[in-house]
C-alpha atoms as a PDB file:
ATOM      1  CA  MET A   1     -82.234 131.471 118.061  1.00  0.00           C
ATOM      2  CA  ASN A   2     -85.348 133.097 119.416  1.00  0.00           C
ATOM      3  CA  ASN A   3     -86.238 134.555 116.031  1.00  0.00           C
ATOM      4  CA  VAL A   4     -86.387 131.297 114.047  1.00  0.00           C
ATOM      5  CA  LEU A   5     -89.303 128.838 114.098  1.00  0.00           C
ATOM      6  CA  GLU A   6     -88.470 125.426 112.647  1.00  0.00           C
ATOM      7  CA  LYS A   7     -91.599 123.543 113.735  1.00  0.00           C
ATOM      8  CA  THR A   8     -94.312 123.348 116.357  1.00  0.00           C
ATOM      9  CA  ASP A   9     -95.758 120.416 118.264  1.00  0.00           C
ATOM     10  CA  PHE A  10     -98.688 121.678 120.310  1.00  0.00           C
ATOM     11  CA  LYS A  11    -100.651 118.868 121.972  1.00  0.00           C
ATOM     12  CA  ASN A  12    -103.958 120.647 122.596  1.00  0.00           C
ATOM     13  CA  LEU A  13    -104.804 122.401 119.329  1.00  0.00           C
ATOM     14  CA  GLY A  14    -106.150 119.433 117.372  1.00  0.00           C
ATOM     15  CA  GLN A  15    -104.670 116.907 114.972  1.00  0.00           C
ATOM     16  CA  ARG A  16    -101.371 118.173 113.571  1.00  0.00           C
ATOM     17  CA  ARG A  17    -100.059 117.763 110.056  1.00  0.00           C
ATOM     18  CA  GLN A  18     -96.923 119.311 108.618  1.00  0.00           C
ATOM     19  CA  GLY A  19     -96.884 121.001 105.230  1.00  0.00           C
ATOM     20  CA  LYS A  20     -93.866 122.339 103.389  1.00  0.00           C
ATOM     21  CA  VAL A  21     -93.948 125.606 105.319  1.00  0.00           C
ATOM     22  CA  ARG A  22     -96.979 125.539 107.627  1.00  0.00           C
ATOM     23  CA  ASP A  23     -97.898 123.367 110.582  1.00  0.00           C
ATOM     24  CA  VAL A  24    -101.658 122.835 110.431  1.00  0.00           C
ATOM     25  CA  TYR A  25    -103.855 121.929 113.403  1.00  0.00           C
ATOM     26  CA  GLU A  26    -107.297 120.640 112.525  1.00  0.00           C
ATOM     27  CA  GLN A  27    -110.374 121.243 114.677  1.00  0.00           C
ATOM     28  CA  THR A  28    -114.041 120.484 114.015  1.00  0.00           C
ATOM     29  CA  ASP A  29    -114.846 123.654 112.077  1.00  0.00           C
ATOM     30  CA  LYS A  30    -111.517 125.432 111.729  1.00  0.00           C
ATOM     31  CA  LEU A  31    -107.828 125.114 110.926  1.00  0.00           C
ATOM     32  CA  ILE A  32    -104.991 126.775 112.795  1.00  0.00           C
ATOM     33  CA  LEU A  33    -102.230 127.561 110.290  1.00  0.00           C
ATOM     34  CA  ILE A  34     -98.840 128.323 111.827  1.00  0.00           C
ATOM     35  CA  ALA A  35     -96.278 129.626 109.336  1.00  0.00           C
ATOM     36  CA  THR A  36     -92.788 128.419 110.219  1.00  0.00           C
ATOM     37  CA  ASP A  37     -89.477 129.755 108.899  1.00  0.00           C
ATOM     38  CA  ARG A  38     -88.859 126.687 106.739  1.00  0.00           C
ATOM     39  CA  TYR A  39     -87.717 127.521 103.205  1.00  0.00           C
ATOM     40  CA  SER A  40     -89.067 125.034 100.681  1.00  0.00           C
ATOM     41  CA  ALA A  41     -88.227 124.555  96.996  1.00  0.00           C
ATOM     42  CA  PHE A  42     -87.616 121.583  94.697  1.00  0.00           C
ATOM     43  CA  ASP A  43     -90.079 119.598  96.873  1.00  0.00           C
ATOM     44  CA  ARG A  44     -87.870 119.756  99.978  1.00  0.00           C
ATOM     45  CA  ASN A  45     -86.938 122.038 102.856  1.00  0.00           C
ATOM     46  CA  LEU A  46     -83.652 123.815 102.193  1.00  0.00           C
ATOM     47  CA  ALA A  47     -83.067 126.314 105.019  1.00  0.00           C
ATOM     48  CA  LEU A  48     -84.547 128.272 107.917  1.00  0.00           C
ATOM     49  CA  ILE A  49     -85.084 131.984 107.214  1.00  0.00           C
ATOM     50  CA  PRO A  50     -85.501 134.328 110.227  1.00  0.00           C
ATOM     51  CA  TYR A  51     -88.898 136.119 110.346  1.00  0.00           C
ATOM     52  CA  LYS A  52     -90.100 134.360 107.186  1.00  0.00           C
ATOM     53  CA  GLY A  53     -93.207 132.822 108.755  1.00  0.00           C
ATOM     54  CA  ARG A  54     -94.203 136.058 110.383  1.00  0.00           C
ATOM     55  CA  MET A  55     -93.793 138.041 107.164  1.00  0.00           C
ATOM     56  CA  LEU A  56     -95.660 135.398 105.147  1.00  0.00           C
ATOM     57  CA  THR A  57     -98.621 135.608 107.501  1.00  0.00           C
ATOM     58  CA  GLN A  58     -98.723 139.397 107.517  1.00  0.00           C
ATOM     59  CA  ILE A  59     -98.360 139.671 103.732  1.00  0.00           C
ATOM     60  CA  THR A  60    -101.113 137.066 103.270  1.00  0.00           C
ATOM     61  CA  ASN A  61    -103.415 138.986 105.621  1.00  0.00           C
ATOM     62  CA  PHE A  62    -102.766 142.169 103.624  1.00  0.00           C
ATOM     63  CA  TRP A  63    -103.617 140.506 100.305  1.00  0.00           C
ATOM     64  CA  PHE A  64    -106.686 138.664 101.607  1.00  0.00           C
ATOM     65  CA  ASP A  65    -107.988 142.042 102.735  1.00  0.00           C
ATOM     66  CA  GLN A  66    -107.175 143.649  99.355  1.00  0.00           C
ATOM     67  CA  THR A  67    -109.035 140.950  97.394  1.00  0.00           C
ATOM     68  CA  LYS A  68    -112.049 140.102  99.587  1.00  0.00           C
ATOM     69  CA  ASP A  69    -114.343 142.024  97.189  1.00  0.00           C
ATOM     70  CA  ILE A  70    -113.368 139.578  94.409  1.00  0.00           C
ATOM     71  CA  ILE A  71    -113.840 136.353  96.383  1.00  0.00           C
ATOM     72  CA  ALA A  72    -114.436 135.344  99.997  1.00  0.00           C
ATOM     73  CA  ASN A  73    -111.384 133.865 101.763  1.00  0.00           C
ATOM     74  CA  HIS A  74    -111.008 131.411 104.615  1.00  0.00           C
ATOM     75  CA  VAL A  75    -109.616 133.739 107.299  1.00  0.00           C
ATOM     76  CA  PHE A  76    -111.417 133.889 110.665  1.00  0.00           C
ATOM     77  CA  GLY A  77    -108.660 135.836 112.379  1.00  0.00           C
ATOM     78  CA  SER A  78    -104.940 136.184 113.055  1.00  0.00           C
ATOM     79  CA  PRO A  79    -104.308 135.932 116.824  1.00  0.00           C
ATOM     80  CA  ASP A  80    -100.513 135.859 116.414  1.00  0.00           C
ATOM     81  CA  PRO A  81     -98.101 137.312 113.815  1.00  0.00           C
ATOM     82  CA  ASN A  82     -97.311 133.754 112.601  1.00  0.00           C
ATOM     83  CA  VAL A  83    -100.859 132.383 112.780  1.00  0.00           C
ATOM     84  CA  ILE A  84    -104.039 132.415 110.716  1.00  0.00           C
ATOM     85  CA  VAL A  85    -107.184 130.777 112.051  1.00  0.00           C
ATOM     86  CA  ALA A  86    -109.129 129.658 109.009  1.00  0.00           C
ATOM     87  CA  LYS A  87    -112.508 128.258 108.090  1.00  0.00           C
ATOM     88  CA  LYS A  88    -112.285 124.580 107.251  1.00  0.00           C
ATOM     89  CA  CYS A  89    -113.078 124.083 103.565  1.00  0.00           C
ATOM     90  CA  LYS A  90    -113.179 121.130 101.205  1.00  0.00           C
ATOM     91  CA  VAL A  91    -109.900 121.658  99.360  1.00  0.00           C
ATOM     92  CA  LEU A  92    -110.047 121.473  95.559  1.00  0.00           C
ATOM     93  CA  PRO A  93    -107.154 119.273  94.323  1.00  0.00           C
ATOM     94  CA  ILE A  94    -105.799 121.723  91.737  1.00  0.00           C
ATOM     95  CA  GLU A  95    -103.446 124.673  92.134  1.00  0.00           C
ATOM     96  CA  ILE A  96    -103.862 127.375  89.505  1.00  0.00           C
ATOM     97  CA  VAL A  97    -100.841 129.392  88.399  1.00  0.00           C
ATOM     98  CA  PRO A  98    -101.379 132.608  86.392  1.00  0.00           C
ATOM     99  CA  ARG A  99     -98.275 133.731  84.509  1.00  0.00           C
ATOM    100  CA  ALA A 100     -97.580 137.033  82.776  1.00  0.00           C
ATOM    101  CA  TYR A 101     -93.970 136.153  81.852  1.00  0.00           C
ATOM    102  CA  ILE A 102     -92.142 132.987  80.843  1.00  0.00           C
ATOM    103  CA  SER A 103     -89.671 132.200  83.610  1.00  0.00           C
ATOM    104  CA  GLY A 104     -88.599 129.778  86.320  1.00  0.00           C
ATOM    105  CA  VAL A 105     -86.100 127.001  87.077  1.00  0.00           C
ATOM    106  CA  THR A 106     -88.168 124.227  88.699  1.00  0.00           C
ATOM    107  CA  GLY A 107     -89.645 121.207  86.927  1.00  0.00           C
ATOM    108  CA  THR A 108     -93.118 122.775  86.587  1.00  0.00           C
ATOM    109  CA  ALA A 109     -91.805 126.194  85.476  1.00  0.00           C
ATOM    110  CA  LEU A 110     -93.143 127.385  82.132  1.00  0.00           C
ATOM    111  CA  TRP A 111     -89.653 128.277  80.871  1.00  0.00           C
ATOM    112  CA  VAL A 112     -88.235 124.834  81.730  1.00  0.00           C
ATOM    113  CA  ILE A 113     -91.110 123.027  79.958  1.00  0.00           C
ATOM    114  CA  TYR A 114     -90.834 125.418  76.969  1.00  0.00           C
ATOM    115  CA  GLN A 115     -87.063 124.840  76.773  1.00  0.00           C
ATOM    116  CA  ASN A 116     -87.749 121.106  76.595  1.00  0.00           C
ATOM    117  CA  GLY A 117     -89.668 121.709  73.373  1.00  0.00           C
ATOM    118  CA  LYS A 118     -93.305 121.989  74.428  1.00  0.00           C
ATOM    119  CA  ARG A 119     -95.379 124.650  72.649  1.00  0.00           C
ATOM    120  CA  ASP A 120     -98.972 123.390  72.992  1.00  0.00           C
ATOM    121  CA  PHE A 121    -100.069 123.597  76.635  1.00  0.00           C
ATOM    122  CA  GLY A 122    -103.660 122.544  76.000  1.00  0.00           C
ATOM    123  CA  ASP A 123    -105.206 125.885  76.951  1.00  0.00           C
ATOM    124  CA  PHE A 124    -102.742 128.014  74.951  1.00  0.00           C
ATOM    125  CA  ILE A 125     -99.946 127.683  72.396  1.00  0.00           C
ATOM    126  CA  LEU A 126     -96.680 129.596  72.697  1.00  0.00           C
ATOM    127  CA  PRO A 127     -94.692 130.659  69.630  1.00  0.00           C
ATOM    128  CA  ASP A 128     -91.106 129.682  68.927  1.00  0.00           C
ATOM    129  CA  GLY A 129     -88.349 132.138  69.755  1.00  0.00           C
ATOM    130  CA  LEU A 130     -89.373 133.284  73.231  1.00  0.00           C
ATOM    131  CA  ARG A 131     -86.567 134.261  75.602  1.00  0.00           C
ATOM    132  CA  LYS A 132     -86.401 133.538  79.319  1.00  0.00           C
ATOM    133  CA  ASN A 133     -88.215 136.221  81.373  1.00  0.00           C
ATOM    134  CA  GLN A 134     -90.038 137.616  78.325  1.00  0.00           C
ATOM    135  CA  LYS A 135     -93.486 139.139  78.822  1.00  0.00           C
ATOM    136  CA  LEU A 136     -96.251 137.022  77.299  1.00  0.00           C
ATOM    137  CA  ASP A 137     -98.856 138.540  74.988  1.00  0.00           C
ATOM    138  CA  GLN A 138    -101.495 137.782  77.608  1.00  0.00           C
ATOM    139  CA  VAL A 139    -101.738 136.186  81.041  1.00  0.00           C
ATOM    140  CA  VAL A 140    -101.937 132.386  80.825  1.00  0.00           C
ATOM    141  CA  LEU A 141    -103.303 129.974  83.408  1.00  0.00           C
ATOM    142  CA  THR A 142    -101.220 126.850  84.080  1.00  0.00           C
ATOM    143  CA  PRO A 143    -102.966 124.503  86.521  1.00  0.00           C
ATOM    144  CA  THR A 144    -101.104 121.743  88.366  1.00  0.00           C
ATOM    145  CA  THR A 145    -102.232 118.807  90.425  1.00  0.00           C
ATOM    146  CA  LYS A 146    -101.912 119.482  94.145  1.00  0.00           C
ATOM    147  CA  SER A 147     -99.446 117.185  95.863  1.00  0.00           C
ATOM    148  CA  ASP A 148     -97.236 117.129  98.976  1.00  0.00           C
ATOM    149  CA  VAL A 149     -94.578 115.408  96.871  1.00  0.00           C
ATOM    150  CA  HIS A 150     -94.441 116.841  93.338  1.00  0.00           C
ATOM    151  CA  ASP A 151     -97.046 118.866  91.453  1.00  0.00           C
ATOM    152  CA  GLN A 152     -97.775 117.859  87.834  1.00  0.00           C
ATOM    153  CA  PRO A 153     -98.974 120.180  85.040  1.00  0.00           C
ATOM    154  CA  ILE A 154    -102.536 119.575  83.835  1.00  0.00           C
ATOM    155  CA  ASN A 155    -104.849 121.483  81.472  1.00  0.00           C
ATOM    156  CA  SER A 156    -108.519 122.487  81.668  1.00  0.00           C
ATOM    157  CA  LYS A 157    -109.729 119.737  79.343  1.00  0.00           C
ATOM    158  CA  GLU A 158    -108.024 117.062  81.446  1.00  0.00           C
ATOM    159  CA  ILE A 159    -109.399 118.543  84.688  1.00  0.00           C
ATOM    160  CA  ILE A 160    -112.967 118.433  83.366  1.00  0.00           C
ATOM    161  CA  GLU A 161    -112.707 115.102  81.485  1.00  0.00           C
ATOM    162  CA  GLN A 162    -111.151 113.358  84.491  1.00  0.00           C
ATOM    163  CA  GLY A 163    -113.934 114.688  86.716  1.00  0.00           C
ATOM    164  CA  ILE A 164    -111.504 116.455  89.038  1.00  0.00           C
ATOM    165  CA  ILE A 165    -113.577 119.662  88.998  1.00  0.00           C
ATOM    166  CA  GLU A 166    -116.858 120.082  87.125  1.00  0.00           C
ATOM    167  CA  GLU A 167    -116.898 122.505  84.204  1.00  0.00           C
ATOM    168  CA  LYS A 168    -119.070 125.305  85.637  1.00  0.00           C
ATOM    169  CA  LEU A 169    -116.964 125.519  88.809  1.00  0.00           C
ATOM    170  CA  TRP A 170    -113.733 125.371  86.815  1.00  0.00           C
ATOM    171  CA  LYS A 171    -114.826 128.314  84.632  1.00  0.00           C
ATOM    172  CA  GLN A 172    -115.552 130.270  87.820  1.00  0.00           C
ATOM    173  CA  ILE A 173    -112.083 129.434  89.163  1.00  0.00           C
ATOM    174  CA  GLU A 174    -110.438 130.607  85.935  1.00  0.00           C
ATOM    175  CA  GLU A 175    -112.395 133.875  85.918  1.00  0.00           C
ATOM    176  CA  ILE A 176    -111.654 134.666  89.561  1.00  0.00           C
ATOM    177  CA  SER A 177    -107.980 133.720  89.185  1.00  0.00           C
ATOM    178  CA  LEU A 178    -107.563 136.257  86.379  1.00  0.00           C
ATOM    179  CA  LYS A 179    -109.306 138.941  88.456  1.00  0.00           C
ATOM    180  CA  LEU A 180    -107.117 138.203  91.486  1.00  0.00           C
ATOM    181  CA  PHE A 181    -103.982 138.301  89.354  1.00  0.00           C
ATOM    182  CA  ALA A 182    -105.003 141.594  87.721  1.00  0.00           C
ATOM    183  CA  ARG A 183    -105.533 143.104  91.198  1.00  0.00           C
ATOM    184  CA  GLY A 184    -102.153 141.766  92.274  1.00  0.00           C
ATOM    185  CA  GLN A 185    -100.430 143.229  89.212  1.00  0.00           C
ATOM    186  CA  GLU A 186    -102.094 146.592  89.759  1.00  0.00           C
ATOM    187  CA  ILE A 187    -101.104 146.898  93.435  1.00  0.00           C
ATOM    188  CA  ALA A 188     -97.604 145.521  92.800  1.00  0.00           C
ATOM    189  CA  ALA A 189     -97.026 148.054  90.002  1.00  0.00           C
ATOM    190  CA  SER A 190     -98.057 150.877  92.341  1.00  0.00           C
ATOM    191  CA  ARG A 191     -95.264 149.663  94.680  1.00  0.00           C
ATOM    192  CA  GLY A 192     -92.656 149.517  91.891  1.00  0.00           C
ATOM    193  CA  LEU A 193     -92.899 145.762  91.411  1.00  0.00           C
ATOM    194  CA  ILE A 194     -93.903 143.323  88.660  1.00  0.00           C
ATOM    195  CA  LEU A 195     -96.058 140.378  89.744  1.00  0.00           C
ATOM    196  CA  VAL A 196     -94.601 137.811  87.350  1.00  0.00           C
ATOM    197  CA  ASP A 197     -96.593 134.747  88.350  1.00  0.00           C
ATOM    198  CA  THR A 198     -98.324 133.344  91.407  1.00  0.00           C
ATOM    199  CA  LYS A 199    -100.314 130.385  92.736  1.00  0.00           C
ATOM    200  CA  TYR A 200    -103.883 130.198  94.019  1.00  0.00           C
ATOM    201  CA  GLU A 201    -105.626 127.459  95.933  1.00  0.00           C
ATOM    202  CA  PHE A 202    -109.376 127.171  96.375  1.00  0.00           C
ATOM    203  CA  GLY A 203    -111.846 125.260  98.482  1.00  0.00           C
ATOM    204  CA  LEU A 204    -115.587 124.982  99.028  1.00  0.00           C
ATOM    205  CA  ASP A 205    -117.053 126.236 102.304  1.00  0.00           C
ATOM    206  CA  GLU A 206    -119.825 124.527 104.288  1.00  0.00           C
ATOM    207  CA  ASN A 207    -122.406 125.951 101.849  1.00  0.00           C
ATOM    208  CA  GLY A 208    -120.490 124.890  98.730  1.00  0.00           C
ATOM    209  CA  ASN A 209    -119.301 128.431  97.975  1.00  0.00           C
ATOM    210  CA  LEU A 210    -115.939 128.877  96.243  1.00  0.00           C
ATOM    211  CA  THR A 211    -113.420 130.220  98.753  1.00  0.00           C
ATOM    212  CA  LEU A 212    -109.808 131.390  98.430  1.00  0.00           C
ATOM    213  CA  ILE A 213    -107.585 129.416 100.824  1.00  0.00           C
ATOM    214  CA  ASP A 214    -103.930 128.925 101.812  1.00  0.00           C
ATOM    215  CA  GLU A 215    -101.999 132.132 100.998  1.00  0.00           C
ATOM    216  CA  ILE A 216    -102.026 134.825  98.327  1.00  0.00           C
ATOM    217  CA  HIS A 217     -99.351 136.910  96.572  1.00  0.00           C
ATOM    218  CA  THR A 218     -96.596 136.094  99.088  1.00  0.00           C
ATOM    219  CA  PRO A 219     -92.921 135.724  98.114  1.00  0.00           C
ATOM    220  CA  ASP A 220     -93.396 131.967  98.626  1.00  0.00           C
ATOM    221  CA  SER A 221     -96.238 131.647  96.139  1.00  0.00           C
ATOM    222  CA  SER A 222     -95.268 134.466  93.764  1.00  0.00           C
ATOM    223  CA  ARG A 223     -92.407 135.790  91.701  1.00  0.00           C
ATOM    224  CA  TYR A 224     -91.717 139.542  91.891  1.00  0.00           C
ATOM    225  CA  TRP A 225     -89.288 141.667  89.872  1.00  0.00           C
ATOM    226  CA  GLN A 226     -88.363 145.325  90.195  1.00  0.00           C
ATOM    227  CA  VAL A 227     -90.130 147.413  87.532  1.00  0.00           C
ATOM    228  CA  ALA A 228     -87.380 150.016  87.265  1.00  0.00           C
ATOM    229  CA  THR A 229     -84.660 147.661  86.015  1.00  0.00           C
ATOM    230  CA  TYR A 230     -86.616 144.888  84.249  1.00  0.00           C
ATOM    231  CA  GLN A 231     -86.393 146.118  80.651  1.00  0.00           C
ATOM    232  CA  GLN A 232     -82.712 147.033  80.815  1.00  0.00           C
ATOM    233  CA  LYS A 233     -81.787 143.669  82.368  1.00  0.00           C
ATOM    234  CA  PHE A 234     -83.914 141.770  79.836  1.00  0.00           C
ATOM    235  CA  ASP A 235     -82.397 143.664  76.890  1.00  0.00           C
ATOM    236  CA  GLN A 236     -78.921 142.786  78.187  1.00  0.00           C
ATOM    237  CA  GLY A 237     -79.815 139.114  78.608  1.00  0.00           C
ATOM    238  CA  LEU A 238     -79.421 139.331  82.368  1.00  0.00           C
ATOM    239  CA  GLU A 239     -81.646 137.905  85.097  1.00  0.00           C
ATOM    240  CA  PRO A 240     -84.210 140.426  86.414  1.00  0.00           C
ATOM    241  CA  GLU A 241     -83.758 142.090  89.783  1.00  0.00           C
ATOM    242  CA  TYR A 242     -85.623 139.560  91.895  1.00  0.00           C
ATOM    243  CA  PHE A 243     -87.679 140.603  94.870  1.00  0.00           C
ATOM    244  CA  ASP A 244     -88.584 137.079  95.951  1.00  0.00           C
ATOM    245  CA  LYS A 245     -86.869 133.794  96.879  1.00  0.00           C
ATOM    246  CA  GLU A 246     -85.743 132.934  93.340  1.00  0.00           C
ATOM    247  CA  PHE A 247     -82.083 133.872  93.927  1.00  0.00           C
ATOM    248  CA  LEU A 248     -81.721 131.183  96.607  1.00  0.00           C
ATOM    249  CA  ARG A 249     -83.410 128.616  94.346  1.00  0.00           C
ATOM    250  CA  LEU A 250     -80.886 129.557  91.648  1.00  0.00           C
ATOM    251  CA  TRP A 251     -77.982 129.121  94.096  1.00  0.00           C
ATOM    252  CA  PHE A 252     -79.073 125.564  94.932  1.00  0.00           C
ATOM    253  CA  LYS A 253     -79.629 124.810  91.248  1.00  0.00           C
ATOM    254  CA  GLU A 254     -76.073 125.977  90.472  1.00  0.00           C
ATOM    255  CA  ASN A 255     -74.381 124.184  93.395  1.00  0.00           C
ATOM    256  CA  CYS A 256     -76.104 120.779  93.432  1.00  0.00           C
ATOM    257  CA  ASP A 257     -78.916 118.721  91.934  1.00  0.00           C
ATOM    258  CA  PRO A 258     -81.707 119.623  94.376  1.00  0.00           C
ATOM    259  CA  TYR A 259     -84.088 117.012  92.950  1.00  0.00           C
ATOM    260  CA  LYS A 260     -81.643 114.078  93.150  1.00  0.00           C
ATOM    261  CA  ASP A 261     -78.848 114.716  95.678  1.00  0.00           C
ATOM    262  CA  ALA A 262     -79.582 113.006  99.005  1.00  0.00           C
ATOM    263  CA  VAL A 263     -77.633 115.627 100.964  1.00  0.00           C
ATOM    264  CA  LEU A 264     -77.633 119.266  99.880  1.00  0.00           C
ATOM    265  CA  PRO A 265     -75.072 121.941 100.733  1.00  0.00           C
ATOM    266  CA  GLN A 266     -75.954 124.355 103.504  1.00  0.00           C
ATOM    267  CA  ALA A 267     -77.351 127.653 102.272  1.00  0.00           C
ATOM    268  CA  PRO A 268     -74.729 130.415 102.701  1.00  0.00           C
ATOM    269  CA  LYS A 269     -75.422 132.578 105.745  1.00  0.00           C
ATOM    270  CA  GLU A 270     -75.264 135.805 103.725  1.00  0.00           C
ATOM    271  CA  LEU A 271     -77.958 134.488 101.342  1.00  0.00           C
ATOM    272  CA  VAL A 272     -80.144 133.396 104.269  1.00  0.00           C
ATOM    273  CA  ASN A 273     -79.843 136.876 105.786  1.00  0.00           C
ATOM    274  CA  GLU A 274     -80.529 138.497 102.414  1.00  0.00           C
ATOM    275  CA  LEU A 275     -83.681 136.420 101.946  1.00  0.00           C
ATOM    276  CA  SER A 276     -84.864 137.304 105.451  1.00  0.00           C
ATOM    277  CA  ASN A 277     -84.348 140.982 104.629  1.00  0.00           C
ATOM    278  CA  ARG A 278     -86.301 140.577 101.380  1.00  0.00           C
ATOM    279  CA  TYR A 279     -89.336 139.126 103.152  1.00  0.00           C
ATOM    280  CA  ILE A 280     -89.227 142.103 105.508  1.00  0.00           C
ATOM    281  CA  ARG A 281     -88.835 144.613 102.653  1.00  0.00           C
ATOM    282  CA  ILE A 282     -91.735 143.082 100.700  1.00  0.00           C
ATOM    283  CA  TYR A 283     -93.921 143.282 103.799  1.00  0.00           C
ATOM    284  CA  GLU A 284     -92.966 146.931 104.357  1.00  0.00           C
ATOM    285  CA  GLN A 285     -93.272 147.868 100.675  1.00  0.00           C
ATOM    286  CA  PHE A 286     -96.768 146.427 100.305  1.00  0.00           C
ATOM    287  CA  THR A 287     -98.293 147.295 103.673  1.00  0.00           C
ATOM    288  CA  GLY A 288     -96.551 150.603 104.363  1.00  0.00           C
ATOM    289  CA  GLN A 289     -95.910 149.319 107.911  1.00  0.00           C
ATOM    290  CA  LYS A 290     -92.488 149.320 109.553  1.00  0.00           C
ATOM    291  CA  PHE A 291     -91.401 145.875 110.768  1.00  0.00           C
ATOM    292  CA  ILE A 292     -90.381 145.793 114.441  1.00  0.00           C
ATOM    293  CA  PRO A 293     -88.840 142.402 115.387  1.00  0.00           C
ATOM    294  CA  GLN A 294     -89.878 142.261 119.096  1.00  0.00           C
ATOM    295  CA  ASP A 295     -87.564 139.370 119.966  1.00  0.00           C
ATOM    296  CA  ASN A 296     -88.085 139.691 123.730  1.00  0.00           C
ATOM    297  CA  GLU A 297     -89.621 136.194 123.995  1.00  0.00           C
ATOM    298  CA  PRO A 298     -89.149 132.968 122.015  1.00  0.00           C
ATOM    299  CA  ILE A 299     -91.604 132.648 119.115  1.00  0.00           C
ATOM    300  CA  ILE A 300     -92.923 129.288 120.307  1.00  0.00           C
ATOM    301  CA  GLU A 301     -93.828 130.734 123.737  1.00  0.00           C
ATOM    302  CA  ARG A 302     -95.544 133.757 122.183  1.00  0.00           C
ATOM    303  CA  ILE A 303     -97.589 131.563 119.836  1.00  0.00           C
ATOM    304  CA  ALA A 304     -98.594 129.211 122.685  1.00  0.00           C
ATOM    305  CA  LYS A 305     -99.802 132.175 124.741  1.00  0.00           C
ATOM    306  CA  ASN A 306    -101.745 133.725 121.851  1.00  0.00           C
ATOM    307  CA  LEU A 307    -103.407 130.418 120.947  1.00  0.00           C
ATOM    308  CA  LYS A 308    -104.668 129.620 124.450  1.00  0.00           C
ATOM    309  CA  PRO A 309    -108.269 130.566 123.498  1.00  0.00           C
ATOM    310  CA  TYR A 310    -108.157 127.905 120.755  1.00  0.00           C
ATOM    311  CA  GLN A 311    -107.056 125.018 122.971  1.00  0.00           C
ATOM    312  CA  ILE A 312    -109.253 121.919 122.931  1.00  0.00           C
ATOM    313  CA  GLN A 313    -110.195 120.853 126.448  1.00  0.00           C
END
């Protein structure tokens, strides 16, 4: 299929490493981030979703632009719909997850940990009696260690005491994360959506300045629900109307053990198509731009052509 990108293997763009979703090529002062169509959850790749990488890149570009007054980001440019050329930063080894609701099905999800009996999360304490998908009294920050295998929850005290990030910088990260999340909530609400939770990653640039890296407010890093139906669904004890990839995560959770089973069932074609359509709808809803596929040439050939100026001789 011309419209699906599973992986890349360019020989002249620098040292390649493969993340869950992105193929990253490292050069002296920059990174070339190519978003593939791999769908990742439960610490493994589950499916290929047409146009996913392209939509991820375009949504990320939109949000970086909408938040650049809050914090500088790592983007140099975007020479291809699937590609971001980014400033190389020293990556901070913590992901920070703001949450406005208690939800989720993965091992690090607040709802799963709460269901298992935990109430004291180090930085905040949750009361008994909360229901899944309930709005919290205030936004909470739930950091995790950053790992290619499996992220682990950690709190502010542990981060500082273990010397992972020094206290002054950590306070800055917390403050900026809350500002970014508030901006995300505000813009999402204006588009009829609830930004439920999200994930931020930070680095330090060549001058030691805090910089927003990776992606921001995409369907891969965020949970979105429809505003119009949330309260009715919650009152009825039903799952919210998702506008992200959660429904496919739920399908795998219901049809196998995605953490333990060596071989997983193939994602149903209708769910793959639905998820592809959701990425497109989120892109259109946020940016106001109409998505035009332009499938007249294979993605890999288009990317190779657009990245010619970045080839290492």
